[in-house]
PDB file of N, CA and C in Angstrom:
ATOM      1  N   MET A   1      11.372-124.678 -24.246  1.00  0.00           N
ATOM      2  CA  MET A   1      11.942-123.408 -23.896  1.00  0.00           C
ATOM      3  C   MET A   1      13.156-123.143 -24.770  1.00  0.00           C
ATOM      4  N   LYS A   2      13.187-121.999 -25.387  1.00  0.00           N
ATOM      5  CA  LYS A   2      14.281-121.643 -26.279  1.00  0.00           C
ATOM      6  C   LYS A   2      15.458-121.101 -25.477  1.00  0.00           C
ATOM      7  N   ASP A   3      16.648-121.554 -25.824  1.00  0.00           N
ATOM      8  CA  ASP A   3      17.863-121.072 -25.163  1.00  0.00           C
ATOM      9  C   ASP A   3      18.324-119.802 -25.864  1.00  0.00           C
ATOM     10  N   ASP A   4      18.225-118.650 -25.177  1.00  0.00           N
ATOM     11  CA  ASP A   4      18.584-117.366 -25.773  1.00  0.00           C
ATOM     12  C   ASP A   4      20.010-116.950 -25.456  1.00  0.00           C
ATOM     13  N   PHE A   5      20.823-117.871 -24.957  1.00  0.00           N
ATOM     14  CA  PHE A   5      22.193-117.543 -24.619  1.00  0.00           C
ATOM     15  C   PHE A   5      22.995-117.289 -25.885  1.00  0.00           C
ATOM     16  N   ALA A   6      23.732-116.196 -25.864  1.00  0.00           N
ATOM     17  CA  ALA A   6      24.656-115.897 -26.954  1.00  0.00           C
ATOM     18  C   ALA A   6      25.971-115.457 -26.334  1.00  0.00           C
ATOM     19  N   PRO A   7      27.074-115.945 -26.860  1.00  0.00           N
ATOM     20  CA  PRO A   7      28.366-115.532 -26.316  1.00  0.00           C
ATOM     21  C   PRO A   7      28.523-114.016 -26.406  1.00  0.00           C
ATOM     22  N   LEU A   8      29.199-113.460 -25.442  1.00  0.00           N
ATOM     23  CA  LEU A   8      29.427-112.024 -25.395  1.00  0.00           C
ATOM     24  C   LEU A   8      30.898-111.761 -25.683  1.00  0.00           C
ATOM     25  N   SER A   9      31.167-110.946 -26.661  1.00  0.00           N
ATOM     26  CA  SER A   9      32.550-110.610 -26.986  1.00  0.00           C
ATOM     27  C   SER A   9      33.103-109.651 -25.936  1.00  0.00           C
ATOM     28  N   ILE A  10      34.403-109.487 -25.944  1.00  0.00           N
ATOM     29  CA  ILE A  10      35.025-108.540 -25.016  1.00  0.00           C
ATOM     30  C   ILE A  10      34.519-107.130 -25.294  1.00  0.00           C
ATOM     31  N   MET A  11      34.439-106.768 -26.546  1.00  0.00           N
ATOM     32  CA  MET A  11      33.926-105.437 -26.899  1.00  0.00           C
ATOM     33  C   MET A  11      32.466-105.287 -26.492  1.00  0.00           C
ATOM     34  N   GLY A  12      31.678-106.325 -26.696  1.00  0.00           N
ATOM     35  CA  GLY A  12      30.276-106.289 -26.295  1.00  0.00           C
ATOM     36  C   GLY A  12      30.130-106.123 -24.790  1.00  0.00           C
ATOM     37  N   TYR A  13      30.967-106.843 -24.045  1.00  0.00           N
ATOM     38  CA  TYR A  13      30.951-106.692 -22.589  1.00  0.00           C
ATOM     39  C   TYR A  13      31.318-105.270 -22.205  1.00  0.00           C
ATOM     40  N   ALA A  14      32.387-104.755 -22.799  1.00  0.00           N
ATOM     41  CA  ALA A  14      32.853-103.401 -22.463  1.00  0.00           C
ATOM     42  C   ALA A  14      31.766-102.367 -22.744  1.00  0.00           C
ATOM     43  N   GLU A  15      31.115-102.482 -23.885  1.00  0.00           N
ATOM     44  CA  GLU A  15      30.051-101.526 -24.227  1.00  0.00           C
ATOM     45  C   GLU A  15      28.939-101.556 -23.185  1.00  0.00           C
ATOM     46  N   GLN A  16      28.542-102.751 -22.781  1.00  0.00           N
ATOM     47  CA  GLN A  16      27.465-102.863 -21.797  1.00  0.00           C
ATOM     48  C   GLN A  16      27.924-102.434 -20.405  1.00  0.00           C
ATOM     49  N   ALA A  17      29.130-102.819 -20.019  1.00  0.00           N
ATOM     50  CA  ALA A  17      29.631-102.488 -18.683  1.00  0.00           C
ATOM     51  C   ALA A  17      29.785-100.985 -18.514  1.00  0.00           C
ATOM     52  N   LEU A  18      30.267-100.315 -19.539  1.00  0.00           N
ATOM     53  CA  LEU A  18      30.504 -98.877 -19.420  1.00  0.00           C
ATOM     54  C   LEU A  18      29.209 -98.077 -19.277  1.00  0.00           C
ATOM     55  N   THR A  19      28.100 -98.654 -19.679  1.00  0.00           N
ATOM     56  CA  THR A  19      26.824 -97.951 -19.499  1.00  0.00           C
ATOM     57  C   THR A  19      26.392 -97.939 -18.036  1.00  0.00           C
ATOM     58  N   THR A  20      27.024 -98.770 -17.202  1.00  0.00           N
ATOM     59  CA  THR A  20      26.655 -98.840 -15.788  1.00  0.00           C
ATOM     60  C   THR A  20      27.560 -97.993 -14.899  1.00  0.00           C
ATOM     61  N   ASP A  21      28.535 -97.320 -15.501  1.00  0.00           N
ATOM     62  CA  ASP A  21      29.467 -96.488 -14.736  1.00  0.00           C
ATOM     63  C   ASP A  21      28.751 -95.205 -14.319  1.00  0.00           C
ATOM     64  N   GLN A  22      28.524 -95.043 -13.022  1.00  0.00           N
ATOM     65  CA  GLN A  22      27.766 -93.904 -12.521  1.00  0.00           C
ATOM     66  C   GLN A  22      28.625 -92.947 -11.703  1.00  0.00           C
ATOM     67  N   ARG A  23      29.924 -92.969 -11.913  1.00  0.00           N
ATOM     68  CA  ARG A  23      30.814 -92.080 -11.159  1.00  0.00           C
ATOM     69  C   ARG A  23      30.526 -90.625 -11.494  1.00  0.00           C
ATOM     70  N   SER A  24      30.806 -89.764 -10.548  1.00  0.00           N
ATOM     71  CA  SER A  24      30.586 -88.332 -10.767  1.00  0.00           C
ATOM     72  C   SER A  24      31.903 -87.555 -10.805  1.00  0.00           C
ATOM     73  N   ASP A  25      33.022 -88.265 -10.865  1.00  0.00           N
ATOM     74  CA  ASP A  25      34.310 -87.582 -10.825  1.00  0.00           C
ATOM     75  C   ASP A  25      34.878 -87.255 -12.195  1.00  0.00           C
ATOM     76  N   ALA A  26      34.087 -87.350 -13.203  1.00  0.00           N
ATOM     77  CA  ALA A  26      34.399 -86.898 -14.566  1.00  0.00           C
ATOM     78  C   ALA A  26      35.782 -87.277 -15.064  1.00  0.00           C
ATOM     79  N   GLY A  27      36.040 -88.532 -15.170  1.00  0.00           N
ATOM     80  CA  GLY A  27      37.247 -88.976 -15.838  1.00  0.00           C
ATOM     81  C   GLY A  27      38.463 -89.222 -14.973  1.00  0.00           C
ATOM     82  N   SER A  28      38.358 -89.119 -13.670  1.00  0.00           N
ATOM     83  CA  SER A  28      39.492 -89.388 -12.796  1.00  0.00           C
ATOM     84  C   SER A  28      39.741 -90.897 -12.735  1.00  0.00           C
ATOM     85  N   LEU A  29      41.010 -91.269 -12.788  1.00  0.00           N
ATOM     86  CA  LEU A  29      41.367 -92.688 -12.681  1.00  0.00           C
ATOM     87  C   LEU A  29      41.398 -93.170 -11.231  1.00  0.00           C
ATOM     88  N   ALA A  30      41.371 -92.243 -10.276  1.00  0.00           N
ATOM     89  CA  ALA A  30      41.531 -92.624  -8.873  1.00  0.00           C
ATOM     90  C   ALA A  30      40.488 -93.642  -8.427  1.00  0.00           C
ATOM     91  N   PHE A  31      39.220 -93.367  -8.643  1.00  0.00           N
ATOM     92  CA  PHE A  31      38.164 -94.268  -8.171  1.00  0.00           C
ATOM     93  C   PHE A  31      38.244 -95.645  -8.836  1.00  0.00           C
ATOM     94  N   PRO A  32      38.316 -95.724 -10.169  1.00  0.00           N
ATOM     95  CA  PRO A  32      38.370 -97.065 -10.764  1.00  0.00           C
ATOM     96  C   PRO A  32      39.637 -97.841 -10.398  1.00  0.00           C
ATOM     97  N   LEU A  33      40.765 -97.150 -10.229  1.00  0.00           N
ATOM     98  CA  LEU A  33      41.979 -97.871  -9.827  1.00  0.00           C
ATOM     99  C   LEU A  33      41.865 -98.384  -8.399  1.00  0.00           C
ATOM    100  N   LEU A  34      41.339 -97.565  -7.501  1.00  0.00           N
ATOM    101  CA  LEU A  34      41.134 -98.034  -6.131  1.00  0.00           C
ATOM    102  C   LEU A  34      40.151 -99.202  -6.103  1.00  0.00           C
ATOM    103  N   GLY A  35      39.106 -99.118  -6.916  1.00  0.00           N
ATOM    104  CA  GLY A  35      38.145-100.214  -7.005  1.00  0.00           C
ATOM    105  C   GLY A  35      38.782-101.482  -7.541  1.00  0.00           C
ATOM    106  N   LEU A  36      39.610-101.343  -8.575  1.00  0.00           N
ATOM    107  CA  LEU A  36      40.293-102.501  -9.156  1.00  0.00           C
ATOM    108  C   LEU A  36      41.208-103.154  -8.129  1.00  0.00           C
ATOM    109  N   PHE A  37      41.982-102.343  -7.415  1.00  0.00           N
ATOM    110  CA  PHE A  37      42.873-102.894  -6.402  1.00  0.00           C
ATOM    111  C   PHE A  37      42.079-103.550  -5.274  1.00  0.00           C
ATOM    112  N   GLY A  38      41.004-102.907  -4.841  1.00  0.00           N
ATOM    113  CA  GLY A  38      40.186-103.460  -3.768  1.00  0.00           C
ATOM    114  C   GLY A  38      39.544-104.781  -4.150  1.00  0.00           C
ATOM    115  N   GLU A  39      38.984-104.836  -5.353  1.00  0.00           N
ATOM    116  CA  GLU A  39      38.323-106.072  -5.788  1.00  0.00           C
ATOM    117  C   GLU A  39      39.331-107.184  -6.039  1.00  0.00           C
ATOM    118  N   THR A  40      40.510-106.830  -6.515  1.00  0.00           N
ATOM    119  CA  THR A  40      41.562-107.840  -6.690  1.00  0.00           C
ATOM    120  C   THR A  40      41.960-108.399  -5.332  1.00  0.00           C
ATOM    121  N   GLY A  41      42.043-107.521  -4.329  1.00  0.00           N
ATOM    122  CA  GLY A  41      42.321-107.980  -2.971  1.00  0.00           C
ATOM    123  C   GLY A  41      41.231-108.906  -2.446  1.00  0.00           C
ATOM    124  N   SER A  42      39.988-108.577  -2.750  1.00  0.00           N
ATOM    125  CA  SER A  42      38.874-109.436  -2.324  1.00  0.00           C
ATOM    126  C   SER A  42      38.956-110.807  -2.995  1.00  0.00           C
ATOM    127  N   LEU A  43      39.316-110.828  -4.264  1.00  0.00           N
ATOM    128  CA  LEU A  43      39.477-112.097  -4.982  1.00  0.00           C
ATOM    129  C   LEU A  43      40.598-112.919  -4.345  1.00  0.00           C
ATOM    130  N   LEU A  44      41.719-112.279  -4.066  1.00  0.00           N
ATOM    131  CA  LEU A  44      42.834-112.988  -3.443  1.00  0.00           C
ATOM    132  C   LEU A  44      42.467-113.481  -2.048  1.00  0.00           C
ATOM    133  N   SER A  45      41.628-112.761  -1.348  1.00  0.00           N
ATOM    134  CA  SER A  45      41.174-113.199  -0.039  1.00  0.00           C
ATOM    135  C   SER A  45      40.359-114.488  -0.145  1.00  0.00           C
ATOM    136  N   GLU A  46      39.535-114.586  -1.184  1.00  0.00           N
ATOM    137  CA  GLU A  46      38.764-115.818  -1.389  1.00  0.00           C
ATOM    138  C   GLU A  46      39.695-116.991  -1.699  1.00  0.00           C
ATOM    139  N   VAL A  47      40.720-116.733  -2.493  1.00  0.00           N
ATOM    140  CA  VAL A  47      41.698-117.786  -2.805  1.00  0.00           C
ATOM    141  C   VAL A  47      42.415-118.222  -1.521  1.00  0.00           C
ATOM    142  N   LYS A  48      42.769-117.263  -0.679  1.00  0.00           N
ATOM    143  CA  LYS A  48      43.419-117.573   0.602  1.00  0.00           C
ATOM    144  C   LYS A  48      42.521-118.458   1.465  1.00  0.00           C
ATOM    145  N   LYS A  49      41.221-118.106   1.535  1.00  0.00           N
ATOM    146  CA  LYS A  49      40.284-118.893   2.343  1.00  0.00           C
ATOM    147  C   LYS A  49      40.182-120.316   1.815  1.00  0.00           C
ATOM    148  N   LYS A  50      40.154-120.475   0.498  1.00  0.00           N
ATOM    149  CA  LYS A  50      40.075-121.816  -0.088  1.00  0.00           C
ATOM    150  C   LYS A  50      41.342-122.598   0.231  1.00  0.00           C
ATOM    151  N   HIS A  51      42.468-121.932   0.145  1.00  0.00           N
ATOM    152  CA  HIS A  51      43.730-122.602   0.447  1.00  0.00           C
ATOM    153  C   HIS A  51      43.772-123.036   1.915  1.00  0.00           C
ATOM    154  N   ARG A  52      43.276-122.179   2.789  1.00  0.00           N
ATOM    155  CA  ARG A  52      43.288-122.466   4.225  1.00  0.00           C
ATOM    156  C   ARG A  52      42.262-123.534   4.592  1.00  0.00           C
ATOM    157  N   ASP A  53      41.034-123.393   4.092  1.00  0.00           N
ATOM    158  CA  ASP A  53      39.932-124.243   4.534  1.00  0.00           C
ATOM    159  C   ASP A  53      39.685-125.462   3.653  1.00  0.00           C
ATOM    160  N   ARG A  54      40.281-125.478   2.514  1.00  0.00           N
ATOM    161  CA  ARG A  54      40.166-126.588   1.551  1.00  0.00           C
ATOM    162  C   ARG A  54      38.711-126.974   1.292  1.00  0.00           C
ATOM    163  N   ALA A  55      38.376-128.232   1.470  1.00  0.00           N
ATOM    164  CA  ALA A  55      37.051-128.758   1.112  1.00  0.00           C
ATOM    165  C   ALA A  55      35.917-128.176   1.951  1.00  0.00           C
ATOM    166  N   SER A  56      36.215-127.633   3.114  1.00  0.00           N
ATOM    167  CA  SER A  56      35.139-127.120   3.960  1.00  0.00           C
ATOM    168  C   SER A  56      34.631-125.752   3.485  1.00  0.00           C
ATOM    169  N   TYR A  57      35.323-125.130   2.542  1.00  0.00           N
ATOM    170  CA  TYR A  57      34.878-123.829   2.023  1.00  0.00           C
ATOM    171  C   TYR A  57      33.987-124.081   0.814  1.00  0.00           C
ATOM    172  N   ILE A  58      32.688-124.205   1.057  1.00  0.00           N
ATOM    173  CA  ILE A  58      31.763-124.593  -0.012  1.00  0.00           C
ATOM    174  C   ILE A  58      31.280-123.421  -0.864  1.00  0.00           C
ATOM    175  N   GLY A  59      31.505-122.200  -0.439  1.00  0.00           N
ATOM    176  CA  GLY A  59      31.046-121.046  -1.211  1.00  0.00           C
ATOM    177  C   GLY A  59      32.099-120.485  -2.144  1.00  0.00           C
ATOM    178  N   TYR A  60      33.181-121.205  -2.343  1.00  0.00           N
ATOM    179  CA  TYR A  60      34.319-120.695  -3.101  1.00  0.00           C
ATOM    180  C   TYR A  60      33.971-120.335  -4.543  1.00  0.00           C
ATOM    181  N   ALA A  61      33.362-121.234  -5.261  1.00  0.00           N
ATOM    182  CA  ALA A  61      33.097-121.001  -6.688  1.00  0.00           C
ATOM    183  C   ALA A  61      32.224-119.768  -6.899  1.00  0.00           C
ATOM    184  N   ALA A  62      31.167-119.639  -6.138  1.00  0.00           N
ATOM    185  CA  ALA A  62      30.280-118.483  -6.283  1.00  0.00           C
ATOM    186  C   ALA A  62      30.993-117.190  -5.905  1.00  0.00           C
ATOM    187  N   ALA A  63      31.803-117.241  -4.851  1.00  0.00           N
ATOM    188  CA  ALA A  63      32.535-116.043  -4.423  1.00  0.00           C
ATOM    189  C   ALA A  63      33.544-115.612  -5.481  1.00  0.00           C
ATOM    190  N   VAL A  64      34.230-116.566  -6.082  1.00  0.00           N
ATOM    191  CA  VAL A  64      35.219-116.246  -7.112  1.00  0.00           C
ATOM    192  C   VAL A  64      34.538-115.659  -8.338  1.00  0.00           C
ATOM    193  N   VAL A  65      33.425-116.209  -8.746  1.00  0.00           N
ATOM    194  CA  VAL A  65      32.694-115.664  -9.891  1.00  0.00           C
ATOM    195  C   VAL A  65      32.276-114.230  -9.608  1.00  0.00           C
ATOM    196  N   ASP A  66      31.758-113.974  -8.423  1.00  0.00           N
ATOM    197  CA  ASP A  66      31.331-112.628  -8.041  1.00  0.00           C
ATOM    198  C   ASP A  66      32.513-111.657  -8.054  1.00  0.00           C
ATOM    199  N   GLU A  67      33.607-112.040  -7.425  1.00  0.00           N
ATOM    200  CA  GLU A  67      34.773-111.156  -7.355  1.00  0.00           C
ATOM    201  C   GLU A  67      35.415-110.960  -8.728  1.00  0.00           C
ATOM    202  N   LEU A  68      35.478-111.998  -9.537  1.00  0.00           N
ATOM    203  CA  LEU A  68      36.028-111.847 -10.889  1.00  0.00           C
ATOM    204  C   LEU A  68      35.186-110.891 -11.723  1.00  0.00           C
ATOM    205  N   GLY A  69      33.876-110.949 -11.541  1.00  0.00           N
ATOM    206  CA  GLY A  69      33.002-110.015 -12.251  1.00  0.00           C
ATOM    207  C   GLY A  69      33.299-108.578 -11.863  1.00  0.00           C
ATOM    208  N   ASP A  70      33.534-108.346 -10.578  1.00  0.00           N
ATOM    209  CA  ASP A  70      33.856-106.998 -10.110  1.00  0.00           C
ATOM    210  C   ASP A  70      35.209-106.542 -10.646  1.00  0.00           C
ATOM    211  N   VAL A  71      36.198-107.437 -10.613  1.00  0.00           N
ATOM    212  CA  VAL A  71      37.525-107.105 -11.147  1.00  0.00           C
ATOM    213  C   VAL A  71      37.418-106.768 -12.631  1.00  0.00           C
ATOM    214  N   LEU A  72      36.676-107.565 -13.376  1.00  0.00           N
ATOM    215  CA  LEU A  72      36.517-107.328 -14.809  1.00  0.00           C
ATOM    216  C   LEU A  72      35.847-105.988 -15.080  1.00  0.00           C
ATOM    217  N   TRP A  73      34.849-105.633 -14.278  1.00  0.00           N
ATOM    218  CA  TRP A  73      34.166-104.353 -14.473  1.00  0.00           C
ATOM    219  C   TRP A  73      35.136-103.193 -14.278  1.00  0.00           C
ATOM    220  N   TYR A  74      35.874-103.203 -13.170  1.00  0.00           N
ATOM    221  CA  TYR A  74      36.822-102.112 -12.920  1.00  0.00           C
ATOM    222  C   TYR A  74      37.935-102.091 -13.971  1.00  0.00           C
ATOM    223  N   LEU A  75      38.410-103.252 -14.371  1.00  0.00           N
ATOM    224  CA  LEU A  75      39.448-103.307 -15.401  1.00  0.00           C
ATOM    225  C   LEU A  75      38.934-102.716 -16.711  1.00  0.00           C
ATOM    226  N   THR A  76      37.692-102.968 -17.035  1.00  0.00           N
ATOM    227  CA  THR A  76      37.079-102.419 -18.240  1.00  0.00           C
ATOM    228  C   THR A  76      37.006-100.898 -18.166  1.00  0.00           C
ATOM    229  N   VAL A  77      36.608-100.367 -17.024  1.00  0.00           N
ATOM    230  CA  VAL A  77      36.521 -98.915 -16.855  1.00  0.00           C
ATOM    231  C   VAL A  77      37.910 -98.279 -16.983  1.00  0.00           C
ATOM    232  N   VAL A  78      38.896 -98.873 -16.326  1.00  0.00           N
ATOM    233  CA  VAL A  78      40.258 -98.339 -16.415  1.00  0.00           C
ATOM    234  C   VAL A  78      40.756 -98.395 -17.854  1.00  0.00           C
ATOM    235  N   ALA A  79      40.548 -99.518 -18.517  1.00  0.00           N
ATOM    236  CA  ALA A  79      41.016 -99.671 -19.901  1.00  0.00           C
ATOM    237  C   ALA A  79      40.351 -98.656 -20.827  1.00  0.00           C
ATOM    238  N   ALA A  80      39.102 -98.341 -20.577  1.00  0.00           N
ATOM    239  CA  ALA A  80      38.395 -97.376 -21.425  1.00  0.00           C
ATOM    240  C   ALA A  80      38.920 -95.960 -21.220  1.00  0.00           C
ATOM    241  N   MET A  81      39.496 -95.707 -20.055  1.00  0.00           N
ATOM    242  CA  MET A  81      39.971 -94.363 -19.740  1.00  0.00           C
ATOM    243  C   MET A  81      41.419 -94.121 -20.188  1.00  0.00           C
ATOM    244  N   VAL A  82      42.160 -95.195 -20.421  1.00  0.00           N
ATOM    245  CA  VAL A  82      43.568 -95.075 -20.776  1.00  0.00           C
ATOM    246  C   VAL A  82      43.725 -95.405 -22.265  1.00  0.00           C
ATOM    247  N   PRO A  83      44.254 -94.475 -23.033  1.00  0.00           N
ATOM    248  CA  PRO A  83      44.446 -94.767 -24.452  1.00  0.00           C
ATOM    249  C   PRO A  83      45.366 -95.965 -24.630  1.00  0.00           C
ATOM    250  N   ALA A  84      44.958 -96.881 -25.452  1.00  0.00           N
ATOM    251  CA  ALA A  84      45.762 -98.093 -25.677  1.00  0.00           C
ATOM    252  C   ALA A  84      46.394 -98.067 -27.055  1.00  0.00           C
ATOM    253  N   ARG A  85      47.615 -98.521 -27.106  1.00  0.00           N
ATOM    254  CA  ARG A  85      48.286 -98.673 -28.386  1.00  0.00           C
ATOM    255  C   ARG A  85      48.390-100.154 -28.672  1.00  0.00           C
ATOM    256  N   THR A  86      48.104-100.528 -29.893  1.00  0.00           N
ATOM    257  CA  THR A  86      48.176-101.944 -30.246  1.00  0.00           C
ATOM    258  C   THR A  86      49.434-102.276 -31.016  1.00  0.00           C
ATOM    259  N   ALA A  87      50.186-101.273 -31.431  1.00  0.00           N
ATOM    260  CA  ALA A  87      51.424-101.507 -32.178  1.00  0.00           C
ATOM    261  C   ALA A  87      52.521-100.627 -31.592  1.00  0.00           C
ATOM    262  N   PRO A  88      53.758-101.114 -31.672  1.00  0.00           N
ATOM    263  CA  PRO A  88      54.858-100.276 -31.186  1.00  0.00           C
ATOM    264  C   PRO A  88      54.983 -98.983 -31.983  1.00  0.00           C
ATOM    265  N   ALA A  89      55.435 -97.936 -31.323  1.00  0.00           N
ATOM    266  CA  ALA A  89      55.584 -96.639 -31.985  1.00  0.00           C
ATOM    267  C   ALA A  89      56.793 -96.620 -32.899  1.00  0.00           C
TER     268      ALA A  89
END
């Protein structure tokens, strides 16, 4: 079986992630920012559960991967909507 895994660059991820954005609010930052804050809260909740339950929390790794993926998606959408400067003015 051939291993077809290829590393994905940040730009490659962004290009693919942005094709899945199905919002109908035409460029408003409100939805992606609320999503980013909500998913970040969900990620922190998983960290809290791990801290509280320690070794008995066996679903931690999968939950963190899932929540990090959601945070990354919303962060990508927000970053695409806000003009970025790479050098000081």
